[in-house]
Amino acid sequence: MKTELNLDDVFAALADSTRRSIMSRLAGGPASVNEIAAPFEISQPAVSRHLKVLERAGLIERDIDKQRRPARLKAENMAAAVDWLAEFKAFWGPSFDELDDVLIKMKQNNE
């Protein structure tokens, strides 16, 4: 098992909208593959493959509870990704503020 978080794996896992939806579902608490698969129009094996990607990225963990094997979020690796992104907030924050100012001025000029 990796001792250091691989942000490439985290961001690759989060690049897929189905996996992001699964993460949102798991934010409500642990769930089995069948419970996770219910709202999706994909097969249970496809959901299992998505779960494996999320697990390899360290974003979820699976418990051994007989045959159910519920998945749950692992907050640590998500927090590390958020921390990495936060480093850029100092750069992007003022840029977005400037963009807001420009858009407001453009709207006022068009009125």
C-alpha atoms as a PDB file:
ATOM      1  CA  MET A   1       0.000   0.000   0.000  1.00  0.00           C
ATOM      2  CA  LYS A   2       1.223   3.492  -0.794  1.00  0.00           C
ATOM      3  CA  THR A   3       2.319   5.567   2.137  1.00  0.00           C
ATOM      4  CA  GLU A   4       2.091   8.817   0.218  1.00  0.00           C
ATOM      5  CA  LEU A   5      -1.087  10.137  -1.339  1.00  0.00           C
ATOM      6  CA  ASN A   6      -1.014  10.074  -5.126  1.00  0.00           C
ATOM      7  CA  LEU A   7      -2.973  13.134  -6.206  1.00  0.00           C
ATOM      8  CA  ASP A   8      -2.960  11.900  -9.812  1.00  0.00           C
ATOM      9  CA  ASP A   9      -5.044   8.896  -8.742  1.00  0.00           C
ATOM     10  CA  VAL A  10      -7.390  11.110  -6.711  1.00  0.00           C
ATOM     11  CA  PHE A  11      -8.031  13.577  -9.525  1.00  0.00           C
ATOM     12  CA  ALA A  12      -8.310  10.796 -12.129  1.00  0.00           C
ATOM     13  CA  ALA A  13     -10.925   9.079  -9.960  1.00  0.00           C
ATOM     14  CA  LEU A  14     -12.852  12.328  -9.517  1.00  0.00           C
ATOM     15  CA  ALA A  15     -12.734  13.107 -13.252  1.00  0.00           C
ATOM     16  CA  ASP A  16     -15.641  10.717 -13.874  1.00  0.00           C
ATOM     17  CA  SER A  17     -19.151  12.028 -13.171  1.00  0.00           C
ATOM     18  CA  THR A  18     -20.441   8.613 -12.079  1.00  0.00           C
ATOM     19  CA  ARG A  19     -17.685   8.327  -9.484  1.00  0.00           C
ATOM     20  CA  ARG A  20     -18.436  11.853  -8.251  1.00  0.00           C
ATOM     21  CA  SER A  21     -22.099  10.833  -7.914  1.00  0.00           C
ATOM     22  CA  ILE A  22     -21.061   7.745  -5.979  1.00  0.00           C
ATOM     23  CA  MET A  23     -18.975   9.950  -3.667  1.00  0.00           C
ATOM     24  CA  SER A  24     -22.021  12.177  -3.122  1.00  0.00           C
ATOM     25  CA  ARG A  25     -24.123   9.113  -2.315  1.00  0.00           C
ATOM     26  CA  LEU A  26     -21.533   7.890   0.194  1.00  0.00           C
ATOM     27  CA  ALA A  27     -21.478  11.292   1.882  1.00  0.00           C
ATOM     28  CA  GLY A  28     -24.835  10.200   3.304  1.00  0.00           C
ATOM     29  CA  GLY A  29     -23.295   7.139   4.921  1.00  0.00           C
ATOM     30  CA  PRO A  30     -21.965   3.672   4.065  1.00  0.00           C
ATOM     31  CA  ALA A  31     -23.759   1.693   1.362  1.00  0.00           C
ATOM     32  CA  SER A  32     -23.527  -1.671  -0.363  1.00  0.00           C
ATOM     33  CA  VAL A  33     -22.842  -2.032  -4.083  1.00  0.00           C
ATOM     34  CA  ASN A  34     -26.530  -2.774  -4.705  1.00  0.00           C
ATOM     35  CA  GLU A  35     -27.592   0.317  -2.755  1.00  0.00           C
ATOM     36  CA  ILE A  36     -25.111   2.442  -4.685  1.00  0.00           C
ATOM     37  CA  ALA A  37     -26.101   0.939  -8.051  1.00  0.00           C
ATOM     38  CA  ALA A  38     -29.852   1.498  -7.573  1.00  0.00           C
ATOM     39  CA  PRO A  39     -30.117   5.077  -8.936  1.00  0.00           C
ATOM     40  CA  PHE A  40     -27.718   4.506 -11.844  1.00  0.00           C
ATOM     41  CA  GLU A  41     -28.511   3.086 -15.253  1.00  0.00           C
ATOM     42  CA  ILE A  42     -25.396   0.924 -15.187  1.00  0.00           C
ATOM     43  CA  SER A  43     -24.833  -2.639 -14.061  1.00  0.00           C
ATOM     44  CA  GLN A  44     -23.760  -3.683 -10.602  1.00  0.00           C
ATOM     45  CA  PRO A  45     -20.400  -4.935 -11.965  1.00  0.00           C
ATOM     46  CA  ALA A  46     -19.809  -1.505 -13.538  1.00  0.00           C
ATOM     47  CA  VAL A  47     -20.485   0.148 -10.177  1.00  0.00           C
ATOM     48  CA  SER A  48     -18.044  -2.311  -8.586  1.00  0.00           C
ATOM     49  CA  ARG A  49     -15.376  -1.223 -11.079  1.00  0.00           C
ATOM     50  CA  HIS A  50     -16.007   2.436 -10.199  1.00  0.00           C
ATOM     51  CA  LEU A  51     -15.709   1.561  -6.507  1.00  0.00           C
ATOM     52  CA  LYS A  52     -12.359  -0.141  -7.149  1.00  0.00           C
ATOM     53  CA  VAL A  53     -11.041   3.037  -8.806  1.00  0.00           C
ATOM     54  CA  LEU A  54     -12.210   5.129  -5.849  1.00  0.00           C
ATOM     55  CA  GLU A  55     -10.690   2.622  -3.434  1.00  0.00           C
ATOM     56  CA  ARG A  56      -7.315   2.603  -5.250  1.00  0.00           C
ATOM     57  CA  ALA A  57      -7.305   6.402  -5.055  1.00  0.00           C
ATOM     58  CA  GLY A  58      -7.875   6.141  -1.315  1.00  0.00           C
ATOM     59  CA  LEU A  59     -11.182   8.016  -1.476  1.00  0.00           C
ATOM     60  CA  ILE A  60     -13.290   5.169  -0.099  1.00  0.00           C
ATOM     61  CA  GLU A  61     -12.765   2.054   1.958  1.00  0.00           C
ATOM     62  CA  ARG A  62     -14.750  -1.165   1.996  1.00  0.00           C
ATOM     63  CA  ASP A  63     -15.707  -2.950   5.184  1.00  0.00           C
ATOM     64  CA  ILE A  64     -16.029  -6.676   5.437  1.00  0.00           C
ATOM     65  CA  ASP A  65     -19.544  -7.260   6.720  1.00  0.00           C
ATOM     66  CA  LYS A  66     -20.382 -10.776   5.545  1.00  0.00           C
ATOM     67  CA  GLN A  67     -21.270 -10.516   1.840  1.00  0.00           C
ATOM     68  CA  ARG A  68     -22.444  -6.908   1.948  1.00  0.00           C
ATOM     69  CA  ARG A  69     -18.996  -5.155   1.955  1.00  0.00           C
ATOM     70  CA  PRO A  70     -20.329  -1.610   2.456  1.00  0.00           C
ATOM     71  CA  ALA A  71     -18.282   1.264   1.056  1.00  0.00           C
ATOM     72  CA  ARG A  72     -17.642   4.434   3.016  1.00  0.00           C
ATOM     73  CA  LEU A  73     -15.828   7.691   2.345  1.00  0.00           C
ATOM     74  CA  LYS A  74     -12.253   8.163   3.522  1.00  0.00           C
ATOM     75  CA  ALA A  75     -11.988  11.864   4.286  1.00  0.00           C
ATOM     76  CA  GLU A  76      -8.198  12.021   4.646  1.00  0.00           C
ATOM     77  CA  ASN A  77      -7.300  11.743   0.963  1.00  0.00           C
ATOM     78  CA  MET A  78     -10.078  14.086  -0.120  1.00  0.00           C
ATOM     79  CA  ALA A  79      -8.836  16.585   2.466  1.00  0.00           C
ATOM     80  CA  ALA A  80      -5.310  16.306   1.053  1.00  0.00           C
ATOM     81  CA  ALA A  81      -6.626  17.075  -2.452  1.00  0.00           C
ATOM     82  CA  VAL A  82      -8.608  20.044  -1.125  1.00  0.00           C
ATOM     83  CA  ASP A  83      -5.496  21.304   0.690  1.00  0.00           C
ATOM     84  CA  TRP A  84      -3.497  21.059  -2.533  1.00  0.00           C
ATOM     85  CA  LEU A  85      -6.163  23.019  -4.425  1.00  0.00           C
ATOM     86  CA  ALA A  86      -6.303  25.622  -1.647  1.00  0.00           C
ATOM     87  CA  GLU A  87      -2.703  26.562  -2.456  1.00  0.00           C
ATOM     88  CA  PHE A  88      -4.033  28.126  -5.659  1.00  0.00           C
ATOM     89  CA  LYS A  89      -6.822  30.074  -3.995  1.00  0.00           C
ATOM     90  CA  ALA A  90      -4.500  33.029  -3.395  1.00  0.00           C
ATOM     91  CA  PHE A  91      -3.937  33.189  -7.154  1.00  0.00           C
ATOM     92  CA  TRP A  92      -7.475  32.520  -8.380  1.00  0.00           C
ATOM     93  CA  GLY A  93      -9.407  34.444  -5.725  1.00  0.00           C
ATOM     94  CA  PRO A  94      -8.277  37.923  -6.854  1.00  0.00           C
ATOM     95  CA  SER A  95      -8.598  36.891 -10.516  1.00  0.00           C
ATOM     96  CA  PHE A  96     -12.234  35.902 -10.016  1.00  0.00           C
ATOM     97  CA  ASP A  97     -12.883  39.131  -8.107  1.00  0.00           C
ATOM     98  CA  GLU A  98     -11.455  41.098 -11.044  1.00  0.00           C
ATOM     99  CA  LEU A  99     -13.588  39.099 -13.472  1.00  0.00           C
ATOM    100  CA  ASP A 100     -16.684  39.893 -11.393  1.00  0.00           C
ATOM    101  CA  ASP A 101     -15.831  43.608 -11.559  1.00  0.00           C
ATOM    102  CA  VAL A 102     -15.391  43.482 -15.346  1.00  0.00           C
ATOM    103  CA  LEU A 103     -18.673  41.614 -15.839  1.00  0.00           C
ATOM    104  CA  ILE A 104     -20.559  44.089 -13.639  1.00  0.00           C
ATOM    105  CA  LYS A 105     -19.133  47.015 -15.627  1.00  0.00           C
ATOM    106  CA  MET A 106     -20.032  45.327 -18.919  1.00  0.00           C
ATOM    107  CA  LYS A 107     -23.586  44.757 -17.723  1.00  0.00           C
ATOM    108  CA  GLN A 108     -23.897  48.377 -16.588  1.00  0.00           C
ATOM    109  CA  ASN A 109     -22.612  49.622 -19.967  1.00  0.00           C
ATOM    110  CA  ASN A 110     -25.188  47.504 -21.794  1.00  0.00           C
ATOM    111  CA  GLU A 111     -28.106  48.834 -19.741  1.00  0.00           C
END
